[in-house]
Structure formats: C-alpha cells, structure tokens
Amino acid sequence: MADSWAEIAVNLARVREEIRTAALRAGRRPEEITLVAVSKTVPPEGIQAALAAGVTDLGENRVQELLAKQPELPPGLRWHLIGTLQTNKVKYIIDRIHLLHSLDRWELAREISKRASARGLVLKALIQVNVSGEETKHGLAPGDVPVFYREVQELPGLQIEGLMTMAPFVADAEQARPYFRQLRELARELGLKHLSMGMSNDYQVAIEEGATLVRIGSDIFGARR
C-alpha cells in the first residue's frame, strides 16, 4: 500500500500520462480509455485520496467488500465488479454497479436477467474470456463466446457491452500482446465495442491493442500488504 495517501495523486498522474502516451502510440484518443482504479483491500481514506485526484470509476473483486465501502463514499461513483460473481450474490449488486466485467456462464446470465427484469433494470456486463486457457482463470473459451453471446442477447435485463480477459502474468508485457490481440479480434467479429484488458503490469500493451477499460490497482495504491 502507498506509504502515504498523498502518493496516490502522484501515482495517478503517472498512470494517466502512460495511458495517454500508449493511446497516442496506437493512433487512438486517450479519452477512449476508462481508468478503473482497483480498490480491493484499500480503506475508504485511500479511496478518497484517489477520488480527490479525479478518479470516477472503482473496481472491486468481492461483493461483500463493495457493499461495505459504498455507504462510506460519495454517491455517483461508477462501481465495477471485476471479480467472479456467485449466482446467489446477484440480488445484492443488481442496482449497485455500473458494469460487471465477469459474466462467464449461462446460469449467472439467467439469474441477472431474472433479478434485473423483476426490478425494471438493465445490468451492463462484459463476457469474460479465458484467452490463455489457464486452468486457474475463469471465463469462456474463445470458441464458445459467439454462441453464448447470441443466447444471452435474448435475455431481458442484461446488456452485453463487450469482452474482458486476464492475460498470463509475465515478466515482459510484450508477451501478453497476442492474448489482447485475440480478444480484440473476437470483439470485432461480434461487433462489440468495449474491451476490459490490461492491469498494472501490462496495461500499456493492452491499450495499444484496443483496450477501452484498464484495471489498475497496485500502480495507483501500491502493493497490497
């Protein structure tokens, strides 16, 4: 964790500049990329420091932690659930998040549709894709995504905005490029706009390959202790 909350503003300035330069390298507008500050395990005072520095989008991995923090922070923030969502937790977050990054199975899609429709809501979501094929990662295999996407489009109360993936953790971010490129091509084939890909160790490469949302934690808040 950052030694002082003042460091967060400095870290954010550096991250934003790196987002800007990566976008320009790729011939993109920096405004196309949304920075999601991953605030898991960060206490509210640390998050407040990020908000004071202009953060508007927060990412949490766990429903319980997200729900605990929301009352302690200003309204109007855009909350992203980026971790695996258990079906029995859908009812708690259906009206609490801006975007779900981890739609990865039909059972979850049906539960979201049921809960959202009952309340006259539409939940925006990204389909999580396991591009690397690693057994430790969640998500659909790339070949299963087109059929899944067609089927979930028929469900009321659920709107698919794009795709999400996690590349393997590698020492050289360039090694993650093929995985990001594959996700971009899949999104293009399906006509989907948003790509959530890239974290603290590889987000510049992800932006060069088309990321529209990057999930940055340790580069903003420091290493978790």
Protein backbone atom coordinates (compact mmCIF):
# COMPACT_ATOMS: atom_id res chain seq x y z
CA MET A 1 0.00 0.00 0.00
CA ALA A 2 1.15 3.54 -0.65
CA ASP A 3 3.20 4.90 2.26
CA SER A 4 1.01 8.00 2.33
CA TRP A 5 -2.25 8.86 0.63
CA ALA A 6 -0.52 11.84 -0.99
CA GLU A 7 1.43 9.36 -3.12
CA ILE A 8 -1.79 8.25 -4.76
CA ALA A 9 -2.18 11.55 -6.63
CA VAL A 10 1.41 11.25 -7.88
CA ASN A 11 0.84 7.66 -8.95
CA LEU A 12 -2.36 8.58 -10.74
CA ALA A 13 -0.66 11.37 -12.66
CA ARG A 14 1.98 8.92 -13.85
CA VAL A 15 -0.58 6.28 -14.84
CA ARG A 16 -2.68 8.81 -16.74
CA GLU A 17 0.37 10.00 -18.65
CA GLU A 18 1.28 6.43 -19.56
CA ILE A 19 -2.30 5.81 -20.72
CA ARG A 20 -2.09 8.95 -22.84
CA THR A 21 1.22 8.06 -24.46
CA ALA A 22 0.16 4.44 -25.11
CA ALA A 23 -3.05 5.65 -26.77
CA LEU A 24 -1.18 8.14 -28.95
CA ARG A 25 1.33 5.48 -29.99
CA ALA A 26 -1.58 3.42 -31.26
CA GLY A 27 -3.22 6.35 -33.04
CA ARG A 28 -6.04 6.47 -30.53
CA ARG A 29 -7.58 9.23 -28.45
CA PRO A 30 -6.75 8.94 -24.73
CA GLU A 31 -10.38 9.81 -23.96
CA GLU A 32 -11.38 6.41 -25.37
CA ILE A 33 -9.84 4.63 -22.38
CA THR A 34 -11.51 4.42 -18.99
CA LEU A 35 -9.25 4.02 -15.98
CA VAL A 36 -10.82 1.69 -13.43
CA ALA A 37 -8.98 2.10 -10.13
CA VAL A 38 -8.97 -1.32 -8.47
CA SER A 39 -9.57 -0.57 -4.82
CA LYS A 40 -9.72 -4.04 -3.31
CA THR A 41 -8.38 -4.01 0.28
CA VAL A 42 -7.88 -0.23 0.07
CA PRO A 43 -9.58 1.55 3.02
CA PRO A 44 -12.04 4.37 2.35
CA GLU A 45 -9.49 7.09 3.19
CA GLY A 46 -7.19 5.77 0.47
CA ILE A 47 -10.05 5.70 -2.00
CA GLN A 48 -10.96 9.26 -1.01
CA ALA A 49 -7.44 10.32 -1.97
CA ALA A 50 -7.96 8.79 -5.41
CA LEU A 51 -11.33 10.50 -5.78
CA ALA A 52 -9.75 13.84 -4.88
CA ALA A 53 -7.30 13.23 -7.73
CA GLY A 54 -10.15 12.74 -10.18
CA VAL A 55 -10.94 9.00 -10.13
CA THR A 56 -14.56 8.28 -11.06
CA ASP A 57 -14.51 4.52 -11.66
CA LEU A 58 -13.70 1.98 -8.94
CA GLY A 59 -13.21 -1.76 -9.34
CA GLU A 60 -13.82 -4.32 -6.63
CA ASN A 61 -13.32 -8.07 -6.69
CA ARG A 62 -15.71 -9.09 -3.94
CA VAL A 63 -19.38 -8.24 -3.50
CA GLN A 64 -19.10 -8.03 0.28
CA GLU A 65 -16.25 -5.51 0.15
CA LEU A 66 -18.00 -3.41 -2.48
CA LEU A 67 -21.20 -3.22 -0.43
CA ALA A 68 -19.28 -2.31 2.72
CA LYS A 69 -17.44 0.56 1.07
CA GLN A 70 -20.27 2.17 -0.90
CA PRO A 71 -22.00 3.85 2.08
CA GLU A 72 -18.69 5.40 3.17
CA LEU A 73 -18.02 7.04 -0.18
CA PRO A 74 -19.77 9.74 -2.20
CA PRO A 75 -22.75 8.83 -4.39
CA GLY A 76 -22.44 8.98 -8.15
CA LEU A 77 -19.29 6.88 -8.47
CA ARG A 78 -19.17 4.22 -11.15
CA TRP A 79 -18.56 0.87 -9.46
CA HIS A 80 -17.23 -2.06 -11.48
CA LEU A 81 -17.38 -5.63 -10.22
CA ILE A 82 -14.32 -7.26 -11.76
CA GLY A 83 -14.15 -10.49 -9.76
CA THR A 84 -16.13 -13.69 -10.11
CA LEU A 85 -19.80 -13.22 -9.20
CA GLN A 86 -21.58 -16.04 -7.41
CA THR A 87 -25.15 -16.53 -8.54
CA ASN A 88 -26.51 -16.15 -5.00
CA LYS A 89 -24.90 -12.70 -4.72
CA VAL A 90 -26.61 -11.21 -7.79
CA LYS A 91 -29.53 -9.89 -5.77
CA TYR A 92 -27.21 -7.75 -3.66
CA ILE A 93 -25.49 -5.89 -6.51
CA ILE A 94 -28.11 -5.72 -9.26
CA ASP A 95 -28.67 -1.99 -8.66
CA ARG A 96 -25.25 -1.17 -7.18
CA ILE A 97 -22.80 -1.47 -10.06
CA HIS A 98 -22.15 0.36 -13.30
CA LEU A 99 -20.62 -2.63 -15.09
CA LEU A 100 -20.00 -6.32 -14.44
CA HIS A 101 -16.73 -7.45 -16.02
CA SER A 102 -17.06 -11.18 -15.31
CA LEU A 103 -20.11 -12.74 -16.96
CA ASP A 104 -18.83 -16.26 -17.57
CA ARG A 105 -21.72 -18.74 -17.53
CA TRP A 106 -25.33 -19.21 -18.56
CA GLU A 107 -26.58 -19.79 -15.01
CA LEU A 108 -25.29 -16.37 -13.98
CA ALA A 109 -26.77 -14.68 -17.04
CA ARG A 110 -30.21 -16.13 -16.29
CA GLU A 111 -30.07 -15.03 -12.64
CA ILE A 112 -29.08 -11.50 -13.65
CA SER A 113 -31.90 -11.40 -16.19
CA LYS A 114 -34.44 -12.60 -13.62
CA ARG A 115 -33.37 -10.17 -10.91
CA ALA A 116 -32.95 -7.17 -13.19
CA SER A 117 -36.21 -7.72 -15.06
CA ALA A 118 -38.15 -8.02 -11.81
CA ARG A 119 -36.96 -4.53 -10.88
CA GLY A 120 -37.22 -2.93 -14.30
CA LEU A 121 -33.44 -2.66 -14.59
CA VAL A 122 -30.84 -3.48 -17.20
CA LEU A 123 -27.42 -4.61 -15.99
CA LYS A 124 -24.50 -3.91 -18.31
CA ALA A 125 -21.93 -6.68 -18.50
CA LEU A 126 -18.80 -7.90 -20.24
CA ILE A 127 -18.30 -11.54 -21.16
CA GLN A 128 -15.16 -12.90 -19.51
CA VAL A 129 -12.98 -14.83 -21.92
CA ASN A 130 -10.18 -17.17 -20.89
CA VAL A 131 -7.95 -16.41 -23.87
CA SER A 132 -4.86 -18.00 -22.33
CA GLY A 133 -6.61 -21.28 -21.49
CA GLU A 134 -5.09 -21.31 -18.00
CA GLU A 135 -6.99 -23.57 -15.61
CA THR A 136 -6.63 -21.04 -12.78
CA LYS A 137 -8.57 -18.38 -14.72
CA HIS A 138 -12.31 -18.05 -15.14
CA GLY A 139 -14.05 -17.31 -18.39
CA LEU A 140 -15.35 -18.92 -21.54
CA ALA A 141 -13.06 -20.44 -24.13
CA PRO A 142 -12.85 -18.08 -27.14
CA GLY A 143 -14.60 -20.61 -29.36
CA ASP A 144 -17.61 -20.73 -27.03
CA VAL A 145 -18.16 -16.98 -26.93
CA PRO A 146 -20.13 -16.41 -30.18
CA VAL A 147 -22.90 -18.88 -29.28
CA PHE A 148 -23.02 -17.67 -25.67
CA TYR A 149 -23.26 -14.07 -26.84
CA ARG A 150 -26.13 -14.84 -29.23
CA GLU A 151 -28.02 -16.66 -26.49
CA VAL A 152 -27.61 -14.04 -23.76
CA GLN A 153 -28.71 -11.30 -26.17
CA GLU A 154 -32.18 -12.84 -25.93
CA LEU A 155 -32.35 -12.33 -22.17
CA PRO A 156 -34.17 -9.23 -20.88
CA GLY A 157 -32.49 -7.13 -18.23
CA LEU A 158 -28.97 -7.86 -19.47
CA GLN A 159 -26.94 -5.81 -21.94
CA ILE A 160 -23.60 -7.09 -23.24
CA GLU A 161 -21.15 -4.23 -23.76
CA GLY A 162 -18.00 -6.13 -24.68
CA LEU A 163 -15.40 -8.64 -23.53
CA MET A 164 -12.93 -8.98 -20.67
CA THR A 165 -9.81 -11.06 -20.25
CA MET A 166 -6.82 -11.51 -17.96
CA ALA A 167 -3.54 -12.23 -19.70
CA PRO A 168 -1.00 -14.53 -18.05
CA PHE A 169 1.28 -12.78 -15.61
CA VAL A 170 4.55 -12.39 -17.48
CA ALA A 171 7.82 -10.59 -16.81
CA ASP A 172 7.73 -8.86 -20.20
CA ALA A 173 4.40 -7.19 -21.04
CA GLU A 174 5.06 -7.81 -24.73
CA GLN A 175 4.36 -11.47 -24.09
CA ALA A 176 0.77 -10.54 -23.25
CA ARG A 177 0.19 -8.84 -26.61
CA PRO A 178 -1.07 -11.93 -28.52
CA TYR A 179 -3.77 -12.53 -25.89
CA PHE A 180 -5.00 -8.94 -26.06
CA ARG A 181 -4.93 -9.04 -29.85
CA GLN A 182 -7.01 -12.21 -29.91
CA LEU A 183 -9.64 -10.64 -27.66
CA ARG A 184 -9.75 -7.55 -29.87
CA GLU A 185 -10.31 -9.68 -32.97
CA LEU A 186 -13.07 -11.63 -31.24
CA ALA A 187 -14.82 -8.42 -30.20
CA ARG A 188 -14.53 -7.10 -33.75
CA GLU A 189 -16.12 -10.26 -35.15
CA LEU A 190 -19.03 -9.92 -32.74
CA GLY A 191 -19.42 -6.16 -33.25
CA LEU A 192 -18.72 -5.38 -29.60
CA LYS A 193 -17.28 -2.04 -28.55
CA HIS A 194 -15.64 -2.46 -25.16
CA LEU A 195 -12.55 -4.40 -24.15
CA SER A 196 -11.58 -4.67 -20.47
CA MET A 197 -7.99 -5.84 -20.54
CA GLY A 198 -4.73 -4.74 -19.03
CA MET A 199 -3.64 -4.37 -15.43
CA SER A 200 -0.71 -2.68 -13.71
CA ASN A 201 1.91 -4.89 -15.32
CA ASP A 202 0.65 -4.80 -18.92
CA TYR A 203 -1.93 -2.05 -19.47
CA GLN A 204 0.16 -0.05 -21.95
CA VAL A 205 0.34 -3.01 -24.31
CA ALA A 206 -3.38 -3.64 -23.77
CA ILE A 207 -4.15 -0.06 -24.80
CA GLU A 208 -2.05 -0.44 -27.92
CA GLU A 209 -4.17 -3.49 -28.75
CA GLY A 210 -7.51 -1.75 -28.24
CA ALA A 211 -8.42 -1.79 -24.54
CA THR A 212 -11.20 0.63 -23.66
CA LEU A 213 -11.09 -0.16 -19.92
CA VAL A 214 -7.90 -0.82 -17.95
CA ARG A 215 -7.98 -2.17 -14.40
CA ILE A 216 -5.16 -0.58 -12.40
CA GLY A 217 -4.57 -1.33 -8.72
CA SER A 218 -1.00 -1.51 -7.45
CA ASP A 219 0.31 1.21 -9.77
CA ILE A 220 -2.13 3.58 -8.08
CA PHE A 221 -2.46 2.36 -4.50
CA GLY A 222 0.83 0.49 -4.14
CA ALA A 223 1.39 -3.19 -3.48
CA ARG A 224 -1.20 -4.76 -1.20
CA ARG A 225 0.17 -5.82 2.17
